[in-house]
Amino acid sequence: MGTELIYLILVLVGLCLGSFSGATVWRLRARQLAIDRSRHEAYDKEEYEQLKKLTKATVMHDYSQCLHCSYRLRWYDLVPLISWISLRGRCRQCRKPIGHLEPLIELGVASLFVASYALWPYQLGTGLEVAQFVVWLVAGVGLAILFAYDAKWLLLPDKVNVAVIGLGLVSAILVVLRSSDIAATIISIVASVGILSGMYFVLYLVSRGKWIGFGDIKLGLGLALLLADWRLAFIALFAANLIGCLVVLPQMLRGKLKRSAHVPFGPLLIAGTVIAQLVGFYLIDIYTYGLV
């Protein structure tokens, strides 16, 4: 199969799975609001009224619809990215804005798929190697959902976190099976978990949940298993904090963000993990050997 065809397939599949991710984000939010309401916990009543229609459909009849007028989207309204552009980001029926979340997730997942293939640090010559790459792409869909949800609502859904942990475990097993030094690989995986999950667990205990949420600990576990290397885990942690500084400090200096404001760390940790997975070994070589 030609390289150009592979890239085309990755773009198309990435756009479709990005569309699925966007739809999943809204359904997860609707169900979360319904749960909060049933437990008599604080929830956004206006948001619940807008999204509650998404909780009433069964799996077999769960159709995409406009959140404003309940217009049921047809197939030509669901073509990833193209439909949004052709409608100029508005509902075909009521003409109210759809928002930018959907096209951004679609572009994000497609970009991740393409970048992953272009920069994948491992060979793709055996079944185990290809399987690890596929698991990474599937996990990327879950990470896109977590990224968008946490960025918008400061929460990491448990169901998606558990799915990423499961995929991370499968990926780690594949890494062990490919390894020539199984003991050293297992130790590296355990250390990776300690860096990306154990460290935050300690912070969670010390602060009694004030500094960091338990969802970040679960996310760190899934990401650590996906990386399966303590050096990559360290790079992911460093990159996440660096990105956080570059994003947060300018807003604080401009007065747009207060020191007491809660900044979602999940998206930063996910971005750091993608960087570590795709260019981490290259950065290690530069640090170790001074390669350019």
Protein backbone atom coordinates (compact mmCIF):
# COMPACT_ATOMS: atom_id res chain seq x y z
CA MET A 1 0.00 0.00 0.00
CA GLY A 2 1.42 3.39 -1.02
CA THR A 3 2.32 5.97 1.62
CA GLU A 4 -0.04 8.56 0.11
CA LEU A 5 -2.96 6.12 0.33
CA ILE A 6 -2.13 5.31 3.97
CA TYR A 7 -2.15 9.01 4.84
CA LEU A 8 -5.46 9.48 3.04
CA ILE A 9 -7.02 6.59 4.94
CA LEU A 10 -5.71 7.95 8.24
CA VAL A 11 -7.18 11.38 7.50
CA LEU A 12 -10.60 9.97 6.58
CA VAL A 13 -10.73 7.54 9.49
CA GLY A 14 -9.46 10.25 11.84
CA LEU A 15 -12.17 12.69 10.74
CA CYS A 16 -14.89 10.05 11.19
CA LEU A 17 -13.65 9.00 14.62
CA GLY A 18 -13.25 12.65 15.53
CA SER A 19 -16.91 13.15 14.67
CA PHE A 20 -17.76 10.17 16.87
CA SER A 21 -15.66 11.70 19.67
CA GLY A 22 -17.52 15.01 19.47
CA ALA A 23 -20.91 13.29 19.65
CA THR A 24 -19.73 11.16 22.57
CA VAL A 25 -18.60 14.23 24.52
CA TRP A 26 -22.10 15.73 24.45
CA ARG A 27 -23.79 12.44 25.36
CA LEU A 28 -21.43 11.91 28.27
CA ARG A 29 -22.17 15.43 29.48
CA ALA A 30 -25.92 14.91 29.21
CA ARG A 31 -25.76 11.69 31.21
CA GLN A 32 -23.52 13.30 33.82
CA LEU A 33 -26.01 16.14 34.31
CA ALA A 34 -28.84 13.62 34.62
CA ILE A 35 -26.89 11.71 37.27
CA ASP A 36 -26.10 14.89 39.20
CA ARG A 37 -29.77 15.85 39.08
CA SER A 38 -30.96 12.45 40.29
CA ARG A 39 -28.51 12.62 43.21
CA HIS A 40 -29.71 16.14 44.10
CA GLU A 41 -26.24 17.53 43.47
CA ALA A 42 -25.49 20.98 42.05
CA TYR A 43 -25.89 21.09 38.26
CA ASP A 44 -26.48 23.62 35.49
CA LYS A 45 -30.25 23.58 35.00
CA GLU A 46 -30.15 25.48 31.72
CA GLU A 47 -27.54 23.13 30.29
CA TYR A 48 -29.53 20.13 31.48
CA GLU A 49 -32.71 21.36 29.75
CA GLN A 50 -30.74 21.73 26.52
CA LEU A 51 -29.05 18.34 26.68
CA LYS A 52 -31.61 16.10 28.39
CA LYS A 53 -33.00 15.02 25.01
CA LEU A 54 -29.75 13.13 24.47
CA THR A 55 -30.46 10.90 27.47
CA LYS A 56 -33.86 9.68 26.28
CA ALA A 57 -32.82 7.87 23.11
CA THR A 58 -32.03 4.17 23.13
CA VAL A 59 -28.85 2.80 21.62
CA MET A 60 -30.69 1.72 18.46
CA HIS A 61 -32.40 5.12 18.06
CA ASP A 62 -29.66 7.46 19.27
CA TYR A 63 -29.61 9.87 16.34
CA SER A 64 -27.59 13.07 16.13
CA GLN A 65 -29.72 16.18 16.49
CA CYS A 66 -29.48 19.93 16.91
CA LEU A 67 -29.23 20.85 20.59
CA HIS A 68 -31.37 23.94 19.99
CA CYS A 69 -34.33 22.84 17.83
CA SER A 70 -33.96 19.01 17.97
CA TYR A 71 -33.66 18.84 14.18
CA ARG A 72 -32.60 15.29 13.34
CA LEU A 73 -29.42 15.46 11.31
CA ARG A 74 -29.46 13.71 7.94
CA TRP A 75 -26.49 11.90 6.46
CA TYR A 76 -25.46 14.95 4.48
CA ASP A 77 -25.35 16.94 7.73
CA LEU A 78 -22.90 14.47 9.24
CA VAL A 79 -20.05 14.50 6.73
CA PRO A 80 -17.07 15.29 8.98
CA LEU A 81 -15.79 18.87 8.64
CA ILE A 82 -17.34 19.37 5.18
CA SER A 83 -20.91 19.63 6.54
CA TRP A 84 -19.84 22.12 9.22
CA ILE A 85 -18.05 24.29 6.65
CA SER A 86 -20.88 24.16 4.11
CA LEU A 87 -23.40 25.17 6.78
CA ARG A 88 -21.02 27.81 8.13
CA GLY A 89 -21.22 26.30 11.57
CA ARG A 90 -24.99 26.62 11.88
CA CYS A 91 -27.98 24.29 12.10
CA ARG A 92 -29.63 23.68 8.74
CA GLN A 93 -33.11 24.28 10.20
CA CYS A 94 -32.94 26.89 12.98
CA ARG A 95 -29.66 28.49 11.82
CA LYS A 96 -28.33 28.76 15.36
CA PRO A 97 -24.56 28.28 15.84
CA ILE A 98 -23.44 24.69 16.23
CA GLY A 99 -20.17 25.65 17.88
CA HIS A 100 -16.51 24.92 17.20
CA LEU A 101 -16.06 21.86 19.41
CA GLU A 102 -17.00 19.33 16.72
CA PRO A 103 -14.74 20.50 13.88
CA LEU A 104 -11.84 21.04 16.28
CA ILE A 105 -12.10 17.46 17.58
CA GLU A 106 -12.40 16.11 14.03
CA LEU A 107 -9.29 18.01 12.94
CA GLY A 108 -7.50 17.07 16.14
CA VAL A 109 -8.04 13.33 15.80
CA ALA A 110 -7.17 13.36 12.08
CA SER A 111 -3.99 15.34 12.82
CA LEU A 112 -3.07 12.92 15.61
CA PHE A 113 -3.47 9.94 13.28
CA VAL A 114 -1.32 11.49 10.57
CA ALA A 115 1.36 12.71 12.99
CA SER A 116 1.44 9.31 14.71
CA TYR A 117 2.16 7.50 11.45
CA ALA A 118 4.71 10.09 10.31
CA LEU A 119 6.60 10.17 13.63
CA TRP A 120 5.98 6.69 15.05
CA PRO A 121 9.25 5.74 16.79
CA TYR A 122 8.91 1.99 16.36
CA GLN A 123 9.02 -0.33 13.39
CA LEU A 124 5.78 -1.56 11.82
CA GLY A 125 7.09 -4.77 10.36
CA THR A 126 5.49 -7.40 12.59
CA GLY A 127 1.97 -8.12 13.78
CA LEU A 128 2.81 -7.08 17.37
CA GLU A 129 4.28 -3.79 16.18
CA VAL A 130 1.26 -2.99 14.02
CA ALA A 131 -1.06 -4.00 16.87
CA GLN A 132 0.67 -1.56 19.23
CA PHE A 133 0.24 1.25 16.70
CA VAL A 134 -3.45 0.46 16.23
CA VAL A 135 -3.99 0.40 20.01
CA TRP A 136 -2.35 3.82 20.21
CA LEU A 137 -4.71 5.22 17.56
CA VAL A 138 -7.77 3.77 19.28
CA ALA A 139 -6.57 5.17 22.59
CA GLY A 140 -6.13 8.50 20.82
CA VAL A 141 -9.89 8.64 20.28
CA GLY A 142 -10.43 8.21 24.01
CA LEU A 143 -7.81 10.85 24.74
CA ALA A 144 -9.56 13.28 22.40
CA ILE A 145 -12.81 12.79 24.34
CA LEU A 146 -11.04 13.29 27.67
CA PHE A 147 -9.17 16.33 26.35
CA ALA A 148 -12.34 18.08 25.17
CA TYR A 149 -14.46 17.14 28.19
CA ASP A 150 -11.89 18.21 30.77
CA ALA A 151 -11.09 21.43 28.91
CA LYS A 152 -14.77 22.39 28.81
CA TRP A 153 -16.15 21.06 32.10
CA LEU A 154 -13.07 20.38 34.29
CA LEU A 155 -13.92 16.71 34.63
CA LEU A 156 -12.56 13.41 33.31
CA PRO A 157 -15.34 10.83 32.71
CA ASP A 158 -14.63 7.54 34.47
CA LYS A 159 -15.89 5.35 31.64
CA VAL A 160 -13.47 6.83 29.13
CA ASN A 161 -10.62 6.85 31.65
CA VAL A 162 -11.16 3.14 32.32
CA ALA A 163 -11.21 2.42 28.58
CA VAL A 164 -7.88 4.24 28.13
CA ILE A 165 -6.41 2.31 31.05
CA GLY A 166 -7.52 -0.94 29.42
CA LEU A 167 -5.99 0.03 26.09
CA GLY A 168 -2.84 1.12 27.90
CA LEU A 169 -2.60 -2.28 29.57
CA VAL A 170 -2.93 -4.02 26.20
CA SER A 171 -0.24 -1.74 24.75
CA ALA A 172 2.08 -2.42 27.70
CA ILE A 173 1.64 -6.17 27.26
CA LEU A 174 2.54 -5.85 23.57
CA VAL A 175 5.66 -3.89 24.54
CA VAL A 176 6.66 -6.66 26.97
CA LEU A 177 6.08 -9.35 24.35
CA ARG A 178 8.34 -7.50 21.90
CA SER A 179 11.06 -6.87 24.46
CA SER A 180 14.37 -8.73 24.56
CA ASP A 181 14.73 -7.91 28.27
CA ILE A 182 11.34 -8.55 29.83
CA ALA A 183 12.38 -7.81 33.43
CA ALA A 184 13.86 -4.41 32.56
CA THR A 185 10.81 -3.53 30.47
CA ILE A 186 8.41 -4.38 33.30
CA ILE A 187 10.46 -2.30 35.73
CA SER A 188 10.38 0.63 33.28
CA ILE A 189 6.59 0.33 32.95
CA VAL A 190 6.16 0.29 36.73
CA ALA A 191 8.40 3.36 37.03
CA SER A 192 6.37 5.07 34.31
CA VAL A 193 3.20 4.46 36.33
CA GLY A 194 4.94 5.85 39.40
CA ILE A 195 5.86 9.07 37.57
CA LEU A 196 2.56 9.81 35.83
CA SER A 197 0.09 8.34 38.31
CA GLY A 198 1.82 7.65 41.63
CA MET A 199 3.15 11.18 41.96
CA TYR A 200 -0.30 12.66 41.52
CA PHE A 201 -1.75 10.13 43.93
CA VAL A 202 0.63 11.43 46.60
CA LEU A 203 -0.36 15.02 45.81
CA TYR A 204 -4.01 14.00 46.01
CA LEU A 205 -3.51 12.50 49.46
CA VAL A 206 -1.45 15.41 50.77
CA SER A 207 -3.93 18.04 49.55
CA ARG A 208 -6.99 15.90 50.28
CA GLY A 209 -8.14 16.38 46.71
CA LYS A 210 -7.71 20.17 46.63
CA TRP A 211 -4.72 20.32 44.30
CA ILE A 212 -5.64 17.58 41.88
CA GLY A 213 -8.64 15.40 41.09
CA PHE A 214 -8.71 11.60 41.25
CA GLY A 215 -9.56 11.53 37.55
CA ASP A 216 -6.08 12.87 36.78
CA ILE A 217 -4.58 9.95 38.69
CA LYS A 218 -6.55 7.49 36.57
CA LEU A 219 -5.60 9.37 33.41
CA GLY A 220 -1.94 9.25 34.44
CA LEU A 221 -2.19 5.47 34.83
CA GLY A 222 -3.56 5.02 31.32
CA LEU A 223 -0.99 7.34 29.79
CA ALA A 224 1.87 5.69 31.67
CA LEU A 225 0.86 2.28 30.36
CA LEU A 226 0.62 3.63 26.81
CA LEU A 227 4.14 5.08 27.03
CA ALA A 228 5.53 2.02 28.86
CA ASP A 229 8.90 3.73 29.44
CA TRP A 230 9.90 5.77 32.48
CA ARG A 231 11.97 8.16 30.33
CA LEU A 232 9.00 8.95 28.11
CA ALA A 233 6.82 9.38 31.20
CA PHE A 234 9.25 11.95 32.57
CA ILE A 235 9.25 13.82 29.25
CA ALA A 236 5.43 13.77 29.21
CA LEU A 237 5.33 15.23 32.71
CA PHE A 238 7.88 17.91 31.88
CA ALA A 239 6.14 18.82 28.61
CA ALA A 240 2.73 19.03 30.34
CA ASN A 241 4.04 21.45 32.95
CA LEU A 242 5.94 23.48 30.36
CA ILE A 243 2.84 23.84 28.17
CA GLY A 244 0.87 24.76 31.27
CA CYS A 245 3.30 27.55 32.10
CA LEU A 246 3.24 28.86 28.53
CA VAL A 247 -0.57 28.89 28.54
CA VAL A 248 -1.33 30.01 32.08
CA LEU A 249 1.37 32.59 32.89
CA PRO A 250 0.53 35.01 30.04
CA GLN A 251 -3.15 34.95 31.07
CA MET A 252 -2.22 35.63 34.69
CA LEU A 253 0.02 38.54 33.70
CA ARG A 254 -2.83 40.05 31.67
CA GLY A 255 -5.21 39.63 34.59
CA LYS A 256 -7.46 37.24 32.68
CA LEU A 257 -6.77 34.38 35.07
CA LYS A 258 -6.63 34.56 38.85
CA ARG A 259 -4.15 32.58 40.93
CA SER A 260 -7.06 30.75 42.57
CA ALA A 261 -8.54 29.68 39.21
CA HIS A 262 -8.74 25.95 38.53
CA VAL A 263 -6.84 24.96 35.38
CA PRO A 264 -7.65 21.53 33.88
CA PHE A 265 -4.47 19.49 33.88
CA GLY A 266 -5.85 16.59 31.85
CA PRO A 267 -5.46 18.27 28.44
CA LEU A 268 -1.91 19.34 29.34
CA LEU A 269 -0.96 15.82 30.39
CA ILE A 270 -2.49 14.37 27.22
CA ALA A 271 -0.58 16.85 25.03
CA GLY A 272 2.63 16.06 26.90
CA THR A 273 2.08 12.34 26.40
CA VAL A 274 1.56 12.73 22.64
CA ILE A 275 4.80 14.71 22.44
CA ALA A 276 6.65 12.11 24.50
CA GLN A 277 5.34 9.18 22.46
CA LEU A 278 6.11 10.65 19.06
CA VAL A 279 9.36 12.58 19.61
CA GLY A 280 10.46 11.46 23.07
CA PHE A 281 13.24 9.13 21.92
CA TYR A 282 14.53 11.82 19.57
CA LEU A 283 14.72 14.25 22.50
CA ILE A 284 16.51 11.61 24.57
CA ASP A 285 19.08 11.15 21.80
CA ILE A 286 19.65 14.90 21.61
CA TYR A 287 20.18 15.08 25.36
CA THR A 288 22.40 11.99 25.47
CA TYR A 289 24.46 12.30 22.32
CA GLY A 290 23.92 15.88 21.22
CA LEU A 291 22.31 14.76 17.96
CA VAL A 292 20.52 17.33 15.78
